[in-house]
Amino acid sequence: MHRAELDLNVVLTTSHPTTVPGGVLAKVQRVVCMISSLNSTSVAKGFSCIDYKFDHMYAKRAFAHCYVGEGMEEGD
């Protein structure tokens, strides 16, 4: 039986998860996120898709008004 190597990265953060007031998600102190796959190519493709969509939205200046409304300069 051939076993694939398992590459596991763990990242801990001290930031508390953000919740939306009036939202359906409970306010919690800790969150766990794990991405596991025997095929790391599939994980890379997933992140590539997210990266592409982010770049597309950023190019259209999507959500920039939210940050400018909070006091950030548009060039930040």
N, C-alpha and C. Protein backbone atom coordinates (compact mmCIF):
# COMPACT_ATOMS: atom_id res chain seq x y z
N MET A 1 0.84 -1.17 0.00
CA MET A 1 0.00 0.00 0.00
C MET A 1 0.89 1.24 0.00
N HIS A 2 0.63 2.16 -0.90
CA HIS A 2 1.39 3.40 -1.00
C HIS A 2 0.69 4.47 -0.18
N ARG A 3 1.42 5.10 0.69
CA ARG A 3 0.83 6.17 1.50
C ARG A 3 1.39 7.51 1.05
N ALA A 4 0.51 8.47 0.90
CA ALA A 4 0.93 9.83 0.54
C ALA A 4 1.43 10.54 1.79
N GLU A 5 2.40 11.42 1.61
CA GLU A 5 2.88 12.21 2.73
C GLU A 5 1.81 13.21 3.13
N LEU A 6 1.69 13.45 4.41
CA LEU A 6 0.72 14.41 4.91
C LEU A 6 1.48 15.66 5.32
N ASP A 7 1.20 16.74 4.65
CA ASP A 7 1.81 18.02 4.98
C ASP A 7 0.75 18.83 5.70
N LEU A 8 0.96 19.09 6.97
CA LEU A 8 -0.04 19.77 7.78
C LEU A 8 0.55 21.06 8.31
N ASN A 9 -0.11 22.16 8.04
CA ASN A 9 0.30 23.46 8.56
C ASN A 9 -0.74 23.92 9.56
N VAL A 10 -0.28 24.41 10.69
CA VAL A 10 -1.18 24.91 11.72
C VAL A 10 -0.82 26.36 11.98
N VAL A 11 -1.83 27.21 11.97
CA VAL A 11 -1.62 28.63 12.23
C VAL A 11 -2.56 29.03 13.36
N LEU A 12 -2.02 29.65 14.38
CA LEU A 12 -2.82 30.13 15.49
C LEU A 12 -2.84 31.65 15.45
N THR A 13 -3.96 32.23 15.77
CA THR A 13 -4.07 33.67 15.81
C THR A 13 -4.69 34.10 17.13
N THR A 14 -4.34 35.28 17.59
CA THR A 14 -4.91 35.78 18.84
C THR A 14 -6.15 36.62 18.58
N SER A 15 -6.48 36.86 17.33
CA SER A 15 -7.66 37.66 16.99
C SER A 15 -8.93 36.84 17.19
N HIS A 16 -9.94 37.47 17.74
CA HIS A 16 -11.23 36.81 17.89
C HIS A 16 -11.99 36.89 16.57
N PRO A 17 -12.77 35.87 16.26
CA PRO A 17 -13.56 35.90 15.03
C PRO A 17 -14.56 37.06 15.05
N THR A 18 -14.78 37.65 13.90
CA THR A 18 -15.71 38.76 13.78
C THR A 18 -17.11 38.23 13.47
N THR A 19 -18.10 38.81 14.12
CA THR A 19 -19.49 38.43 13.84
C THR A 19 -20.25 39.66 13.38
N VAL A 20 -21.32 39.42 12.68
CA VAL A 20 -22.18 40.49 12.19
C VAL A 20 -23.30 40.69 13.20
N PRO A 21 -23.50 41.92 13.69
CA PRO A 21 -24.61 42.15 14.62
C PRO A 21 -25.94 41.74 13.98
N GLY A 22 -26.71 40.96 14.71
CA GLY A 22 -27.98 40.48 14.18
C GLY A 22 -27.85 39.30 13.25
N GLY A 23 -26.62 38.81 13.06
CA GLY A 23 -26.39 37.68 12.16
C GLY A 23 -26.77 36.36 12.81
N VAL A 24 -26.68 35.29 12.04
CA VAL A 24 -27.10 33.98 12.54
C VAL A 24 -25.96 33.20 13.18
N LEU A 25 -24.72 33.67 13.06
CA LEU A 25 -23.59 32.96 13.65
C LEU A 25 -23.38 33.40 15.10
N ALA A 26 -23.08 32.45 15.96
CA ALA A 26 -22.86 32.74 17.37
C ALA A 26 -21.50 33.41 17.56
N LYS A 27 -21.41 34.27 18.57
CA LYS A 27 -20.15 34.91 18.91
C LYS A 27 -19.33 33.91 19.71
N VAL A 28 -18.14 33.59 19.23
CA VAL A 28 -17.28 32.59 19.87
C VAL A 28 -15.91 33.19 20.12
N GLN A 29 -15.14 32.53 20.98
CA GLN A 29 -13.80 33.01 21.32
C GLN A 29 -12.71 32.37 20.46
N ARG A 30 -12.97 31.17 19.93
CA ARG A 30 -11.96 30.46 19.15
C ARG A 30 -12.59 29.81 17.93
N VAL A 31 -11.79 29.65 16.89
CA VAL A 31 -12.25 29.01 15.66
C VAL A 31 -11.15 28.08 15.17
N VAL A 32 -11.54 26.98 14.57
CA VAL A 32 -10.59 26.04 13.98
C VAL A 32 -10.92 25.91 12.51
N CYS A 33 -9.89 25.94 11.69
CA CYS A 33 -10.05 25.72 10.26
C CYS A 33 -8.97 24.74 9.83
N MET A 34 -9.39 23.67 9.17
CA MET A 34 -8.43 22.67 8.73
C MET A 34 -8.69 22.35 7.27
N ILE A 35 -7.65 22.36 6.49
CA ILE A 35 -7.74 21.98 5.09
C ILE A 35 -6.89 20.74 4.93
N SER A 36 -7.52 19.68 4.53
CA SER A 36 -6.82 18.41 4.42
C SER A 36 -7.16 17.77 3.08
N SER A 37 -6.15 17.25 2.45
CA SER A 37 -6.37 16.58 1.17
C SER A 37 -5.19 15.67 0.90
N LEU A 38 -5.48 14.52 0.32
CA LEU A 38 -4.40 13.65 -0.11
C LEU A 38 -3.79 14.17 -1.41
N ASN A 39 -4.51 15.07 -2.05
CA ASN A 39 -4.05 15.63 -3.31
C ASN A 39 -3.88 17.14 -3.12
N SER A 40 -2.67 17.59 -2.89
CA SER A 40 -2.45 19.01 -2.62
C SER A 40 -2.77 19.88 -3.83
N THR A 41 -2.80 19.29 -5.02
CA THR A 41 -3.15 20.04 -6.22
C THR A 41 -4.58 20.55 -6.13
N SER A 42 -5.48 19.75 -5.57
CA SER A 42 -6.87 20.18 -5.46
C SER A 42 -7.01 21.35 -4.50
N VAL A 43 -6.24 21.37 -3.43
CA VAL A 43 -6.26 22.49 -2.49
C VAL A 43 -5.72 23.73 -3.18
N ALA A 44 -4.64 23.59 -3.92
CA ALA A 44 -4.06 24.72 -4.64
C ALA A 44 -5.04 25.29 -5.66
N LYS A 45 -5.78 24.42 -6.35
CA LYS A 45 -6.77 24.89 -7.31
C LYS A 45 -7.87 25.68 -6.62
N GLY A 46 -8.28 25.23 -5.45
CA GLY A 46 -9.31 25.95 -4.70
C GLY A 46 -8.86 27.34 -4.31
N PHE A 47 -7.63 27.46 -3.79
CA PHE A 47 -7.12 28.77 -3.43
C PHE A 47 -6.87 29.63 -4.66
N SER A 48 -6.50 29.02 -5.76
CA SER A 48 -6.31 29.76 -7.01
C SER A 48 -7.62 30.40 -7.45
N CYS A 49 -8.71 29.67 -7.31
CA CYS A 49 -10.03 30.19 -7.67
C CYS A 49 -10.41 31.37 -6.77
N ILE A 50 -10.18 31.24 -5.47
CA ILE A 50 -10.47 32.33 -4.54
C ILE A 50 -9.61 33.54 -4.87
N ASP A 51 -8.34 33.33 -5.16
CA ASP A 51 -7.42 34.41 -5.51
C ASP A 51 -7.88 35.13 -6.77
N TYR A 52 -8.31 34.38 -7.77
CA TYR A 52 -8.79 34.97 -9.02
C TYR A 52 -10.03 35.84 -8.76
N LYS A 53 -10.96 35.33 -7.97
CA LYS A 53 -12.18 36.08 -7.68
C LYS A 53 -11.88 37.35 -6.89
N PHE A 54 -10.94 37.26 -5.92
CA PHE A 54 -10.56 38.44 -5.16
C PHE A 54 -9.94 39.49 -6.08
N ASP A 55 -9.02 39.06 -6.94
CA ASP A 55 -8.39 40.00 -7.86
C ASP A 55 -9.41 40.66 -8.77
N HIS A 56 -10.41 39.90 -9.23
CA HIS A 56 -11.45 40.44 -10.09
C HIS A 56 -12.28 41.50 -9.35
N MET A 57 -12.65 41.20 -8.10
CA MET A 57 -13.43 42.16 -7.31
C MET A 57 -12.59 43.39 -6.97
N TYR A 58 -11.31 43.19 -6.67
CA TYR A 58 -10.43 44.31 -6.34
C TYR A 58 -10.27 45.24 -7.54
N ALA A 59 -10.15 44.66 -8.73
CA ALA A 59 -10.00 45.47 -9.94
C ALA A 59 -11.25 46.32 -10.17
N LYS A 60 -12.41 45.82 -9.78
CA LYS A 60 -13.65 46.57 -9.94
C LYS A 60 -13.90 47.52 -8.78
N ARG A 61 -12.95 47.57 -7.83
CA ARG A 61 -13.04 48.43 -6.65
C ARG A 61 -14.23 48.07 -5.77
N ALA A 62 -14.61 46.80 -5.80
CA ALA A 62 -15.72 46.34 -4.97
C ALA A 62 -15.39 46.54 -3.50
N PHE A 63 -16.32 46.98 -2.74
CA PHE A 63 -16.23 47.18 -1.30
C PHE A 63 -15.29 48.32 -0.89
N ALA A 64 -14.70 49.05 -1.84
CA ALA A 64 -13.82 50.16 -1.47
C ALA A 64 -14.60 51.22 -0.69
N HIS A 65 -15.87 51.39 -1.02
CA HIS A 65 -16.68 52.39 -0.32
C HIS A 65 -16.81 52.08 1.17
N CYS A 66 -16.77 50.81 1.53
CA CYS A 66 -16.86 50.44 2.95
C CYS A 66 -15.64 50.95 3.71
N TYR A 67 -14.47 50.80 3.13
CA TYR A 67 -13.24 51.23 3.79
C TYR A 67 -13.11 52.74 3.81
N VAL A 68 -13.49 53.39 2.72
CA VAL A 68 -13.43 54.85 2.66
C VAL A 68 -14.40 55.44 3.67
N GLY A 69 -15.57 54.81 3.82
CA GLY A 69 -16.55 55.26 4.81
C GLY A 69 -16.05 55.15 6.23
N GLU A 70 -15.11 54.25 6.48
CA GLU A 70 -14.53 54.07 7.81
C GLU A 70 -13.32 54.97 8.04
N GLY A 71 -12.95 55.77 7.04
CA GLY A 71 -11.87 56.72 7.23
C GLY A 71 -10.57 56.40 6.53
N MET A 72 -10.47 55.26 5.86
CA MET A 72 -9.25 54.94 5.13
C MET A 72 -9.19 55.75 3.84
N GLU A 73 -7.99 56.06 3.43
CA GLU A 73 -7.81 56.71 2.14
C GLU A 73 -7.98 55.68 1.04
N GLU A 74 -8.45 56.10 -0.13
CA GLU A 74 -8.70 55.15 -1.20
C GLU A 74 -7.43 54.49 -1.70
N GLY A 75 -6.28 55.12 -1.55
CA GLY A 75 -5.02 54.54 -2.01
C GLY A 75 -4.39 53.57 -1.01
N ASP A 76 -4.94 53.44 0.20
CA ASP A 76 -4.34 52.56 1.23
C ASP A 76 -4.48 51.11 0.89
